[in-house]
N, C-alpha and C. Protein backbone atom coordinates (compact mmCIF):
# COMPACT_ATOMS: atom_id res chain seq x y z
N MET A 1 -63.74 116.47 44.68
CA MET A 1 -64.27 116.58 43.33
C MET A 1 -65.27 115.44 43.12
N PRO A 2 -66.44 115.75 42.60
CA PRO A 2 -67.45 114.71 42.35
C PRO A 2 -66.94 113.65 41.37
N PHE A 3 -67.48 112.44 41.55
CA PHE A 3 -67.06 111.30 40.74
C PHE A 3 -67.22 111.55 39.24
N ARG A 4 -68.34 112.14 38.82
CA ARG A 4 -68.57 112.35 37.38
C ARG A 4 -67.57 113.35 36.81
N GLN A 5 -67.16 114.34 37.57
CA GLN A 5 -66.13 115.27 37.09
C GLN A 5 -64.80 114.55 36.94
N ARG A 6 -64.50 113.69 37.88
CA ARG A 6 -63.26 112.89 37.78
C ARG A 6 -63.31 111.99 36.56
N ALA A 7 -64.48 111.39 36.30
CA ALA A 7 -64.64 110.54 35.12
C ALA A 7 -64.47 111.36 33.85
N LEU A 8 -65.02 112.58 33.85
CA LEU A 8 -64.88 113.45 32.67
C LEU A 8 -63.41 113.78 32.42
N LEU A 9 -62.67 114.11 33.47
CA LEU A 9 -61.25 114.40 33.30
C LEU A 9 -60.50 113.18 32.76
N GLY A 10 -60.89 112.00 33.22
CA GLY A 10 -60.28 110.77 32.70
C GLY A 10 -60.56 110.57 31.23
N VAL A 11 -61.79 110.83 30.82
CA VAL A 11 -62.16 110.70 29.40
C VAL A 11 -61.36 111.71 28.57
N ILE A 12 -61.26 112.93 29.05
CA ILE A 12 -60.49 113.95 28.32
C ILE A 12 -59.03 113.51 28.20
N ALA A 13 -58.47 112.99 29.29
CA ALA A 13 -57.07 112.58 29.28
C ALA A 13 -56.82 111.45 28.28
N MET A 14 -57.85 110.64 27.99
CA MET A 14 -57.71 109.55 27.03
C MET A 14 -57.80 110.01 25.58
N LEU A 15 -58.19 111.25 25.36
CA LEU A 15 -58.26 111.75 23.98
C LEU A 15 -56.85 111.82 23.40
N PRO A 16 -56.70 111.48 22.12
CA PRO A 16 -55.36 111.56 21.51
C PRO A 16 -54.81 112.98 21.50
N ASN A 17 -55.70 113.97 21.51
CA ASN A 17 -55.27 115.37 21.47
C ASN A 17 -55.48 116.07 22.81
N SER A 18 -55.42 115.31 23.91
CA SER A 18 -55.69 115.90 25.22
C SER A 18 -54.68 116.98 25.61
N GLU A 19 -53.49 116.91 25.07
CA GLU A 19 -52.49 117.93 25.39
C GLU A 19 -52.64 119.17 24.53
N GLY A 20 -53.55 119.13 23.58
CA GLY A 20 -53.83 120.29 22.75
C GLY A 20 -55.22 120.80 23.03
N LYS A 21 -55.96 120.99 21.97
CA LYS A 21 -57.33 121.49 22.08
C LYS A 21 -58.31 120.36 21.80
N PHE A 22 -59.43 120.38 22.52
CA PHE A 22 -60.45 119.35 22.33
C PHE A 22 -61.82 120.00 22.40
N THR A 23 -62.80 119.32 21.80
CA THR A 23 -64.15 119.86 21.73
C THR A 23 -65.10 119.03 22.60
N VAL A 24 -66.26 119.60 22.86
CA VAL A 24 -67.29 118.89 23.60
C VAL A 24 -67.67 117.62 22.86
N GLN A 25 -67.80 117.70 21.54
CA GLN A 25 -68.19 116.54 20.75
C GLN A 25 -67.16 115.42 20.85
N GLU A 26 -65.89 115.75 20.84
CA GLU A 26 -64.85 114.72 21.00
C GLU A 26 -64.96 114.03 22.35
N ILE A 27 -65.25 114.80 23.38
CA ILE A 27 -65.41 114.23 24.72
C ILE A 27 -66.61 113.30 24.77
N VAL A 28 -67.73 113.74 24.19
CA VAL A 28 -68.95 112.92 24.18
C VAL A 28 -68.69 111.61 23.44
N GLU A 29 -68.04 111.67 22.29
CA GLU A 29 -67.75 110.46 21.51
C GLU A 29 -66.81 109.52 22.27
N GLN A 30 -65.80 110.08 22.91
CA GLN A 30 -64.86 109.25 23.68
C GLN A 30 -65.56 108.61 24.88
N SER A 31 -66.45 109.35 25.52
CA SER A 31 -67.17 108.79 26.67
C SER A 31 -68.08 107.64 26.24
N ALA A 32 -68.64 107.74 25.03
CA ALA A 32 -69.48 106.65 24.52
C ALA A 32 -68.66 105.38 24.30
N ARG A 33 -67.37 105.55 23.95
CA ARG A 33 -66.50 104.39 23.75
C ARG A 33 -65.96 103.83 25.06
N LYS A 34 -65.75 104.68 26.06
CA LYS A 34 -65.02 104.26 27.26
C LYS A 34 -65.88 104.03 28.50
N LEU A 35 -67.08 104.59 28.55
CA LEU A 35 -67.88 104.52 29.78
C LEU A 35 -69.17 103.74 29.60
N LYS A 36 -69.61 103.12 30.66
CA LYS A 36 -70.91 102.46 30.64
C LYS A 36 -72.03 103.49 30.64
N ARG A 37 -71.82 104.61 31.33
CA ARG A 37 -72.78 105.71 31.36
C ARG A 37 -72.14 106.92 30.68
N PRO A 38 -72.24 107.02 29.36
CA PRO A 38 -71.57 108.13 28.67
C PRO A 38 -72.21 109.47 28.99
N PHE A 39 -71.47 110.51 28.70
CA PHE A 39 -71.91 111.89 28.93
C PHE A 39 -72.71 112.40 27.75
N SER A 40 -73.66 113.29 28.02
CA SER A 40 -74.38 114.00 26.96
C SER A 40 -73.68 115.32 26.70
N ASN A 41 -74.01 115.96 25.58
CA ASN A 41 -73.41 117.26 25.26
C ASN A 41 -73.66 118.27 26.37
N SER A 42 -74.90 118.34 26.85
CA SER A 42 -75.23 119.35 27.85
C SER A 42 -74.50 119.08 29.17
N HIS A 43 -74.37 117.81 29.54
CA HIS A 43 -73.67 117.48 30.77
C HIS A 43 -72.19 117.86 30.67
N VAL A 44 -71.58 117.57 29.53
CA VAL A 44 -70.17 117.93 29.32
C VAL A 44 -70.01 119.45 29.40
N ASN A 45 -70.90 120.19 28.74
CA ASN A 45 -70.83 121.65 28.79
C ASN A 45 -70.91 122.16 30.22
N GLN A 46 -71.85 121.65 30.99
CA GLN A 46 -72.01 122.09 32.38
C GLN A 46 -70.76 121.80 33.21
N MET A 47 -70.23 120.60 33.04
CA MET A 47 -69.05 120.24 33.83
C MET A 47 -67.81 121.01 33.40
N LEU A 48 -67.68 121.29 32.10
CA LEU A 48 -66.53 122.08 31.65
C LEU A 48 -66.57 123.49 32.22
N VAL A 49 -67.76 124.06 32.33
CA VAL A 49 -67.90 125.38 32.96
C VAL A 49 -67.41 125.31 34.41
N SER A 50 -67.85 124.28 35.12
CA SER A 50 -67.44 124.10 36.51
C SER A 50 -65.93 123.88 36.62
N LEU A 51 -65.38 123.04 35.76
CA LEU A 51 -63.94 122.81 35.77
C LEU A 51 -63.16 124.06 35.40
N GLY A 52 -63.73 124.87 34.52
CA GLY A 52 -63.11 126.14 34.17
C GLY A 52 -63.09 127.10 35.35
N GLU A 53 -64.18 127.13 36.10
CA GLU A 53 -64.24 127.98 37.29
C GLU A 53 -63.23 127.55 38.35
N ASN A 54 -62.90 126.26 38.35
CA ASN A 54 -61.90 125.74 39.29
C ASN A 54 -60.48 125.81 38.73
N GLY A 55 -60.31 126.33 37.53
CA GLY A 55 -58.99 126.54 36.95
C GLY A 55 -58.35 125.31 36.34
N LEU A 56 -59.15 124.27 36.02
CA LEU A 56 -58.58 123.05 35.45
C LEU A 56 -58.58 123.05 33.93
N VAL A 57 -59.55 123.70 33.32
CA VAL A 57 -59.61 123.81 31.86
C VAL A 57 -59.94 125.25 31.50
N TYR A 58 -59.66 125.61 30.27
CA TYR A 58 -60.09 126.92 29.80
C TYR A 58 -60.59 126.80 28.37
N LYS A 59 -61.43 127.74 28.00
CA LYS A 59 -62.06 127.74 26.68
C LYS A 59 -61.46 128.86 25.86
N ASN A 60 -61.09 128.53 24.61
CA ASN A 60 -60.57 129.59 23.75
C ASN A 60 -61.72 130.23 22.96
N ARG A 61 -61.41 131.17 22.13
CA ARG A 61 -62.44 131.91 21.39
C ARG A 61 -63.17 131.07 20.35
N HIS A 62 -62.63 129.96 19.99
CA HIS A 62 -63.22 129.13 18.93
C HIS A 62 -64.04 127.97 19.47
N GLY A 63 -64.36 128.01 20.76
CA GLY A 63 -65.19 126.97 21.35
C GLY A 63 -64.47 125.68 21.67
N LYS A 64 -63.16 125.70 21.64
CA LYS A 64 -62.38 124.52 22.01
C LYS A 64 -61.82 124.72 23.41
N TYR A 65 -61.55 123.61 24.06
CA TYR A 65 -61.05 123.63 25.43
C TYR A 65 -59.63 123.07 25.47
N SER A 66 -58.93 123.43 26.52
CA SER A 66 -57.59 122.90 26.79
C SER A 66 -57.43 122.74 28.29
N PHE A 67 -56.55 121.82 28.69
CA PHE A 67 -56.19 121.75 30.09
C PHE A 67 -55.44 123.02 30.45
N ALA A 68 -55.63 123.50 31.66
CA ALA A 68 -54.97 124.73 32.09
C ALA A 68 -53.49 124.51 32.41
N VAL A 69 -53.13 123.26 32.68
CA VAL A 69 -51.76 122.94 33.05
C VAL A 69 -51.16 122.00 32.01
N PRO A 70 -49.97 122.28 31.51
CA PRO A 70 -49.33 121.36 30.56
C PRO A 70 -49.13 119.98 31.19
N ILE A 71 -49.18 118.98 30.36
CA ILE A 71 -49.04 117.55 30.69
C ILE A 71 -50.00 117.07 31.79
N MET A 72 -51.14 117.72 31.89
CA MET A 72 -52.14 117.29 32.86
C MET A 72 -52.78 115.96 32.45
N GLY A 73 -52.95 115.74 31.15
CA GLY A 73 -53.53 114.50 30.66
C GLY A 73 -52.77 113.27 31.13
N PRO A 74 -51.45 113.21 30.90
CA PRO A 74 -50.69 112.05 31.38
C PRO A 74 -50.74 111.90 32.90
N PHE A 75 -50.76 113.02 33.62
CA PHE A 75 -50.86 112.96 35.09
C PHE A 75 -52.17 112.30 35.51
N ILE A 76 -53.27 112.69 34.89
CA ILE A 76 -54.58 112.11 35.21
C ILE A 76 -54.58 110.61 34.89
N LEU A 77 -54.03 110.24 33.76
CA LEU A 77 -53.98 108.82 33.40
C LEU A 77 -53.16 108.02 34.41
N ARG A 78 -52.07 108.57 34.91
CA ARG A 78 -51.27 107.90 35.93
C ARG A 78 -52.08 107.73 37.22
N GLN A 79 -52.81 108.78 37.59
CA GLN A 79 -53.63 108.70 38.80
C GLN A 79 -54.71 107.63 38.66
N LEU A 80 -55.36 107.58 37.50
CA LEU A 80 -56.38 106.56 37.29
C LEU A 80 -55.78 105.16 37.33
N HIS A 81 -54.61 105.02 36.74
CA HIS A 81 -53.94 103.72 36.75
C HIS A 81 -53.58 103.31 38.19
N ASP A 82 -53.04 104.26 38.96
CA ASP A 82 -52.68 103.96 40.34
C ASP A 82 -53.91 103.57 41.17
N GLU A 83 -55.03 104.23 40.95
CA GLU A 83 -56.26 103.91 41.67
C GLU A 83 -56.75 102.52 41.32
N SER A 84 -56.63 102.15 40.06
CA SER A 84 -57.15 100.85 39.62
C SER A 84 -56.27 99.69 40.08
N THR A 85 -55.00 99.96 40.35
CA THR A 85 -54.10 98.87 40.78
C THR A 85 -53.99 98.76 42.29
N SER A 86 -54.52 99.71 43.02
CA SER A 86 -54.42 99.63 44.49
C SER A 86 -55.64 99.00 45.11
């Protein structure tokens, strides 16, 4: 998985509502707070399509996204933490 997609998943996992539904705008705002190189709306849209094709996220009828697997957010955060401590 490309680095920027991994970073996007990390940003999504840091959202307070990562276990529910989240929007592109919420991801963009969170990336501006957490990353040195934040994501743009168009970049997030493109990557969410790619992640959807890989079965990691899905889009509902109202334009909101969710992780395809329950408790994926905490799993991603644990992985990021393990990477940073090793």
